[in-house]
Protein backbone atom coordinates (compact mmCIF):
# COMPACT_ATOMS: atom_id res chain seq x y z
CA MET A 1 -108.06 35.36 46.52
CA GLU A 2 -109.17 38.12 44.17
CA GLU A 3 -106.50 37.19 41.62
CA LEU A 4 -107.80 33.61 41.59
CA SER A 5 -111.26 34.82 40.56
CA ILE A 6 -109.74 37.08 37.88
CA ILE A 7 -107.76 34.15 36.45
CA ALA A 8 -110.83 31.89 36.63
CA LYS A 9 -112.92 34.50 34.78
CA LYS A 10 -110.28 34.90 32.06
CA ALA A 11 -109.94 31.11 31.71
CA ALA A 12 -113.73 30.75 31.48
CA ASP A 13 -113.84 33.49 28.83
CA LEU A 14 -111.20 31.68 26.77
CA LEU A 15 -113.01 28.35 27.12
CA ALA A 16 -116.31 29.96 26.13
CA ARG A 17 -114.78 31.02 22.81
CA ARG A 18 -113.47 27.56 21.95
CA PRO A 19 -112.22 24.41 23.69
CA HIS A 20 -108.58 24.49 24.78
CA PHE A 21 -106.13 21.88 25.89
CA ARG A 22 -104.88 22.38 29.44
CA LYS A 23 -101.31 23.23 28.39
CA GLU A 24 -102.59 25.65 25.75
CA LEU A 25 -104.79 27.47 28.30
CA GLU A 26 -102.01 27.45 30.89
CA ASN A 27 -99.57 29.04 28.43
CA LYS A 28 -102.08 31.74 27.43
CA LEU A 29 -102.81 32.70 31.03
CA ILE A 30 -99.15 32.77 32.05
CA LYS A 31 -98.36 34.85 28.96
CA LYS A 32 -100.99 37.36 30.16
CA GLY A 33 -98.87 37.80 33.29
CA TYR A 34 -100.73 35.68 35.81
CA SER A 35 -98.80 33.72 38.44
CA GLU A 36 -98.00 30.18 37.30
CA GLU A 37 -98.93 28.72 40.69
CA LEU A 38 -102.34 30.41 40.69
CA VAL A 39 -102.99 29.45 37.06
CA ILE A 40 -102.25 25.81 37.86
CA GLN A 41 -104.54 26.01 40.89
CA VAL A 42 -107.40 27.42 38.78
CA LEU A 43 -106.89 24.85 36.00
CA ASN A 44 -106.83 22.00 38.53
CA ASP A 45 -110.16 23.28 39.84
CA PHE A 46 -111.53 23.51 36.28
CA GLU A 47 -110.49 19.91 35.59
CA ARG A 48 -112.06 18.73 38.83
CA ARG A 49 -115.34 20.44 37.87
CA GLY A 50 -115.21 19.03 34.34
CA TYR A 51 -114.78 22.36 32.54
CA LEU A 52 -111.42 21.30 31.14
CA ASN A 53 -110.81 17.80 29.80
CA ASP A 54 -107.92 17.09 27.42
CA ARG A 55 -109.22 13.66 26.48
CA ASP A 56 -112.65 14.97 25.40
CA HIS A 57 -111.10 17.88 23.52
CA ALA A 58 -108.63 15.52 21.85
CA SER A 59 -111.52 13.52 20.40
CA LEU A 60 -112.97 16.67 18.84
CA TYR A 61 -109.55 17.74 17.60
CA ILE A 62 -108.92 14.31 16.05
CA ASP A 63 -112.23 14.53 14.17
CA GLU A 64 -111.28 18.00 12.91
CA LEU A 65 -107.88 16.79 11.67
CA LYS A 66 -109.47 13.76 10.00
CA ARG A 67 -111.80 16.12 8.11
CA LYS A 68 -108.74 18.08 7.02
CA ARG A 69 -107.33 14.81 5.61
CA PHE A 70 -104.35 14.31 7.91
CA GLY A 71 -102.90 10.89 8.63
CA LYS A 72 -102.69 9.10 11.95
CA TYR A 73 -99.06 10.03 12.68
CA GLU A 74 -99.57 13.73 12.00
CA ILE A 75 -102.66 13.71 14.21
CA MET A 76 -100.65 12.21 17.08
CA ARG A 77 -97.80 14.70 16.51
CA ARG A 78 -100.22 17.63 16.62
CA LEU A 79 -101.84 16.35 19.82
CA ILE A 80 -98.43 16.22 21.49
CA ALA A 81 -97.61 19.70 20.17
CA LYS A 82 -100.84 20.98 21.77
CA GLY A 83 -99.67 19.71 25.15
CA VAL A 84 -101.38 16.34 25.35
CA LYS A 85 -99.16 13.87 27.18
CA GLU A 86 -97.30 11.60 24.76
CA SER A 87 -98.72 8.48 26.40
CA THR A 88 -102.28 9.82 26.05
CA ALA A 89 -101.66 10.83 22.42
CA LYS A 90 -100.32 7.36 21.61
CA GLU A 91 -103.25 5.73 23.39
CA LEU A 92 -105.72 7.88 21.43
CA GLY A 93 -103.72 7.28 18.25
CA SER A 94 -104.03 3.53 18.69
CA THR A 95 -107.81 3.92 18.70
CA ILE A 96 -107.78 5.84 15.42
CA SER A 97 -108.76 3.43 12.69
CA LEU A 98 -108.06 5.37 9.55
CA GLU A 99 -106.65 2.93 7.02
CA LYS A 100 -109.68 3.05 4.71
CA GLU A 101 -110.09 6.81 5.21
CA GLU A 102 -106.36 7.37 4.69
CA ARG A 103 -106.48 5.60 1.33
CA GLU A 104 -109.42 7.78 0.30
CA HIS A 105 -107.63 10.92 1.54
CA ILE A 106 -104.50 10.07 -0.45
CA ARG A 107 -106.54 9.43 -3.61
CA TYR A 108 -108.43 12.70 -3.12
CA LEU A 109 -105.22 14.67 -2.54
CA LEU A 110 -103.53 12.99 -5.52
CA ASN A 111 -106.35 14.18 -7.76
CA LYS A 112 -106.46 17.62 -6.20
CA ARG A 113 -102.70 18.28 -6.19
CA ARG A 114 -102.04 16.68 -9.60
CA PHE A 115 -98.54 15.42 -8.86
CA LYS A 116 -96.44 14.40 -11.85
CA LEU A 117 -96.26 10.78 -10.81
CA ASP A 118 -94.62 9.58 -14.03
CA ASP A 119 -91.55 11.70 -13.18
CA PRO A 120 -89.23 10.38 -10.40
CA LYS A 121 -88.98 13.87 -8.84
CA GLY A 122 -92.74 14.30 -8.95
CA LEU A 123 -93.22 10.88 -7.41
CA LYS A 124 -90.74 11.72 -4.62
CA ARG A 125 -92.54 15.04 -4.01
CA ALA A 126 -95.85 13.20 -3.69
CA ILE A 127 -94.43 10.64 -1.27
CA ASP A 128 -92.76 13.38 0.82
CA PHE A 129 -96.00 15.37 0.85
CA PHE A 130 -98.01 12.42 2.15
CA MET A 131 -95.34 11.54 4.73
CA ARG A 132 -95.47 15.12 6.06
CA ARG A 133 -99.24 14.82 6.33
CA GLY A 134 -98.77 11.79 8.59
CA PHE A 135 -99.62 8.88 6.32
CA SER A 136 -97.70 5.63 6.67
CA ILE A 137 -95.33 4.73 3.85
CA GLU A 138 -97.08 1.36 3.43
CA ILE A 139 -100.45 2.98 2.71
CA ILE A 140 -98.87 5.63 0.47
CA LYS A 141 -97.14 2.95 -1.63
CA GLU A 142 -100.28 0.83 -1.77
CA VAL A 143 -102.34 3.72 -3.16
CA LEU A 144 -99.61 4.82 -5.56
CA LYS A 145 -99.27 1.24 -6.88
CA SER A 146 -102.97 1.32 -7.72
CA TYR A 147 -102.06 4.12 -10.13
CA ASP A 148 -99.87 1.59 -12.06
CA LEU A 149 -96.67 3.49 -11.44
CA GLY A 150 -94.30 0.62 -10.84
CA GLY A 151 -90.80 1.18 -9.50
CA LEU A 152 -91.97 1.46 -5.89
CA GLU A 153 -90.98 -2.03 -4.73
CA GLY A 154 -87.37 -1.17 -3.94
CA GLU A 155 -88.01 2.21 -2.28
CA ASP A 156 -87.96 2.64 1.48
C-alpha cells in the first residue's frame, strides 16, 4: 500500500511539470524501478479521476506540432510514437484540417530554407524534406508548381 502512494506521488510530480501521455508516464515510472502492476494500477486510478487523459493531451500536442509547422502525417506518426493507440491517432488525424495551413507552412519553409529548386537535386531535397515533415505529396507538388518549376507532372 505504501508503494502505491509513492508511485502516485511520483506520477503526480511528473504530471505537475508537464502533461504526459499514459504510455510515456508508464515507461518513466517503470524505468525508475517501480512494479509494472502497481504502476498500471496507479495510472488506471489517475485516468478514472481525470488526471491523465491521452485524448486531451493529444489535442495540446497536435497544436504544438502545428505551430512547429509539421504536416498531418508526421503529427499522427508522433502521436503513435508517444504511445497513443493507432486507432485514436488516426481518428484525431482525420479531424485535423490543415490543408490551408500546410500550404502556408510549405511556402514559409521554402523561403526560410532556400532550396535550390531550379536544380533537380535541390528539388528532390525539398520534396524529401517536406515528406519527412509529414506533408502529402499532392500538397507539396501543388505549392511547388506555384513557384513555376515545371517538370513535376510525371513525378510520383
